[in-house]
Amino acid sequence: MEDVVKIVVERHYASKPIDYGRLVSLVESTGERVVFTEHGGAVSVLLPAGKVAELEHWVRADCPVPGPIPQGEGEEEGPDGAARDVGRLRVEPLAEPEEYGPYTRYVRADGRRVSFARGGAVVVVQVDAREVEWLENRAMHARQGYMSPKQAAAFEEFLARQPPVGGQ
């Protein structure tokens, strides 16, 4: 598995409200993830949109039927129902997109993921940390078992040139 460089933001020390404009810009410019933590444990992750697309591609290659993505159990809600919390993803009701500098924050249809767009293109996605771990694990196994058609043909040719087992 590739080395993962991450920038960690502990919720306790984060500005309130969180400066998503600065963090999304950091993810977009460096390509590195920003991990929001609470008491040392990962809560949610800002990932480049291309990385999320890559992970989802490989997961889909491994299991074409949508699989169960881990969901939070027993998440607390605020007094107004599904409340937002700094760096923590919760199911959010449909709301107006929010502006953070040049970025617009959109809550996805599932109410759990959040997309940040600049100039009409999604550049960063905020995903629950458990879901990122699940996606990376499934994608890693799918990639390891994949051979392109050209690579498979070369391997088949290589095997055809090998002497029969025991006939060496």
Protein backbone atom coordinates (compact mmCIF):
# COMPACT_ATOMS: atom_id res chain seq x y z
CA MET A 1 0.00 0.00 0.00
CA GLU A 2 1.21 3.50 -0.77
CA ASP A 3 2.49 5.76 1.99
CA VAL A 4 -0.20 8.10 3.24
CA VAL A 5 0.70 11.63 4.20
CA LYS A 6 -1.93 13.31 6.28
CA ILE A 7 -2.49 16.59 8.02
CA VAL A 8 -4.25 16.09 11.34
CA VAL A 9 -6.65 18.63 12.84
CA GLU A 10 -7.74 17.84 16.41
CA ARG A 11 -11.30 19.13 16.83
CA HIS A 12 -10.57 20.46 20.30
CA TYR A 13 -7.98 22.87 18.89
CA ALA A 14 -9.71 23.73 15.60
CA SER A 15 -11.11 27.20 15.04
CA LYS A 16 -14.86 27.42 15.47
CA PRO A 17 -16.36 27.53 12.95
CA ILE A 18 -13.72 25.57 11.13
CA ASP A 19 -11.90 27.37 8.31
CA TYR A 20 -12.88 24.99 5.52
CA GLY A 21 -11.65 27.44 2.87
CA ARG A 22 -8.07 27.16 4.13
CA LEU A 23 -8.19 23.39 4.66
CA VAL A 24 -9.81 22.64 1.29
CA SER A 25 -7.22 24.86 -0.40
CA LEU A 26 -4.49 22.90 1.38
CA VAL A 27 -5.92 19.56 0.18
CA GLU A 28 -6.36 20.86 -3.35
CA SER A 29 -2.85 22.33 -3.60
CA THR A 30 -0.92 19.48 -1.94
CA GLY A 31 -3.07 16.47 -2.80
CA GLU A 32 -2.73 15.31 0.80
CA ARG A 33 -5.58 14.44 3.12
CA VAL A 34 -6.71 16.40 6.15
CA VAL A 35 -7.91 14.17 8.98
CA PHE A 36 -10.20 15.55 11.65
CA THR A 37 -9.63 13.79 14.96
CA GLU A 38 -11.40 13.71 18.29
CA HIS A 39 -9.52 12.45 21.35
CA GLY A 40 -6.83 11.07 19.01
CA GLY A 41 -9.23 9.01 16.86
CA ALA A 42 -10.00 9.85 13.23
CA VAL A 43 -13.52 11.21 12.71
CA SER A 44 -13.66 12.45 9.13
CA VAL A 45 -11.27 13.04 6.26
CA LEU A 46 -10.97 15.68 3.53
CA LEU A 47 -9.71 13.90 0.39
CA PRO A 48 -9.00 15.14 -3.14
CA ALA A 49 -12.04 14.29 -5.28
CA GLY A 50 -9.83 12.36 -7.71
CA LYS A 51 -8.63 10.07 -4.91
CA VAL A 52 -12.21 9.33 -3.85
CA ALA A 53 -13.11 8.56 -7.49
CA GLU A 54 -10.11 6.21 -7.78
CA LEU A 55 -11.00 4.35 -4.59
CA GLU A 56 -14.64 4.02 -5.62
CA HIS A 57 -13.59 2.74 -9.07
CA TRP A 58 -11.53 -0.09 -7.60
CA VAL A 59 -14.15 -0.96 -4.99
CA ARG A 60 -16.76 -1.17 -7.74
CA ALA A 61 -14.44 -3.38 -9.81
CA ASP A 62 -14.25 -5.74 -6.84
CA CYS A 63 -17.95 -5.74 -6.01
CA PRO A 64 -20.22 -4.31 -8.75
CA VAL A 65 -23.25 -4.39 -6.45
CA PRO A 66 -23.13 -1.60 -3.87
CA GLY A 67 -21.81 -2.99 -0.61
CA PRO A 68 -22.55 -1.98 2.94
CA ILE A 69 -20.48 1.06 3.80
CA PRO A 70 -19.95 1.45 7.55
CA GLN A 71 -22.36 3.88 9.13
CA GLY A 72 -22.12 5.49 12.53
CA GLU A 73 -23.93 3.76 15.33
CA GLY A 74 -25.65 5.68 18.06
CA GLU A 75 -24.63 9.11 16.82
CA GLU A 76 -25.99 11.86 18.94
CA GLU A 77 -28.19 14.53 17.44
CA GLY A 78 -28.39 18.15 18.42
CA PRO A 79 -31.53 19.86 19.76
CA ASP A 80 -32.68 20.68 16.21
CA GLY A 81 -32.39 17.10 14.94
CA ALA A 82 -29.46 16.33 12.63
CA ALA A 83 -26.96 18.93 13.76
CA ARG A 84 -23.57 19.69 12.28
CA ASP A 85 -20.47 19.41 14.35
CA VAL A 86 -17.01 20.74 13.55
CA GLY A 87 -15.20 18.08 11.53
CA ARG A 88 -17.77 15.37 12.25
CA LEU A 89 -20.05 14.17 9.50
CA ARG A 90 -23.66 13.71 10.44
CA VAL A 91 -26.72 13.18 8.34
CA GLU A 92 -27.66 16.71 7.37
CA PRO A 93 -30.97 18.00 6.05
CA LEU A 94 -30.97 19.65 2.63
CA ALA A 95 -29.68 23.16 3.09
CA GLU A 96 -28.36 26.05 1.06
CA PRO A 97 -24.81 25.51 -0.19
CA GLU A 98 -22.30 27.37 1.96
CA GLU A 99 -19.47 29.51 0.64
CA TYR A 100 -15.93 29.19 2.02
CA GLY A 101 -13.78 31.59 0.04
CA PRO A 102 -13.67 30.32 -3.57
CA TYR A 103 -15.23 26.99 -2.52
CA THR A 104 -18.87 26.02 -2.26
CA ARG A 105 -19.82 23.32 0.22
CA TYR A 106 -22.56 20.92 -0.88
CA VAL A 107 -24.08 18.16 1.24
CA ARG A 108 -24.41 15.04 -0.92
CA ALA A 109 -27.73 13.25 -1.45
CA ASP A 110 -26.98 10.65 1.23
CA GLY A 111 -26.65 13.45 3.79
CA ARG A 112 -23.31 12.05 5.00
CA ARG A 113 -20.70 13.09 2.46
CA VAL A 114 -19.83 16.69 1.74
CA SER A 115 -18.37 18.00 -1.52
CA PHE A 116 -16.40 21.20 -1.97
CA ALA A 117 -16.52 22.68 -5.47
CA ARG A 118 -14.51 25.48 -7.05
CA GLY A 119 -15.61 26.91 -10.36
CA GLY A 120 -18.30 24.26 -10.74
CA ALA A 121 -15.94 21.29 -10.34
CA VAL A 122 -15.76 19.15 -7.21
CA VAL A 123 -12.19 19.33 -5.87
CA VAL A 124 -12.43 17.88 -2.35
CA VAL A 125 -14.79 15.45 -0.61
CA GLN A 126 -15.26 15.08 3.13
CA VAL A 127 -15.90 11.45 4.07
CA ASP A 128 -16.39 9.62 7.37
CA ALA A 129 -13.08 8.13 8.54
CA ARG A 130 -14.54 4.60 8.81
CA GLU A 131 -15.75 4.82 5.22
CA VAL A 132 -12.31 5.95 4.01
CA GLU A 133 -10.71 2.99 5.78
CA TRP A 134 -13.28 0.62 4.25
CA LEU A 135 -12.80 2.08 0.74
CA GLU A 136 -9.00 1.92 0.96
CA ASN A 137 -9.03 -1.67 2.19
CA ARG A 138 -11.42 -2.90 -0.52
CA ALA A 139 -9.66 -0.91 -3.26
CA MET A 140 -6.24 -2.26 -2.23
CA HIS A 141 -7.41 -5.87 -2.55
CA ALA A 142 -9.13 -5.21 -5.90
CA ARG A 143 -6.01 -3.51 -7.35
CA GLN A 144 -3.73 -6.32 -6.20
CA GLY A 145 -5.82 -8.93 -8.01
CA TYR A 146 -6.23 -6.95 -11.24
CA MET A 147 -4.31 -7.63 -14.46
CA SER A 148 -4.83 -5.50 -17.53
CA PRO A 149 -5.63 -7.46 -20.72
CA LYS A 150 -2.10 -6.78 -22.04
CA GLN A 151 -0.53 -7.94 -18.77
CA ALA A 152 -2.76 -11.06 -18.68
CA ALA A 153 -1.77 -11.97 -22.27
CA ALA A 154 1.93 -11.58 -21.46
CA PHE A 155 1.54 -13.75 -18.37
CA GLU A 156 -0.33 -16.40 -20.36
CA GLU A 157 2.47 -16.39 -22.97
CA PHE A 158 5.07 -16.71 -20.21
CA LEU A 159 3.24 -19.70 -18.72
CA ALA A 160 2.96 -21.36 -22.15
CA ARG A 161 6.76 -21.23 -22.53
CA GLN A 162 7.33 -22.97 -19.20
CA PRO A 163 8.16 -26.70 -19.27
CA PRO A 164 5.53 -29.03 -17.79
CA VAL A 165 5.71 -29.55 -14.03
CA GLY A 166 8.03 -32.46 -13.27
CA GLY A 167 9.47 -32.43 -16.80
CA GLN A 168 12.43 -30.22 -15.98
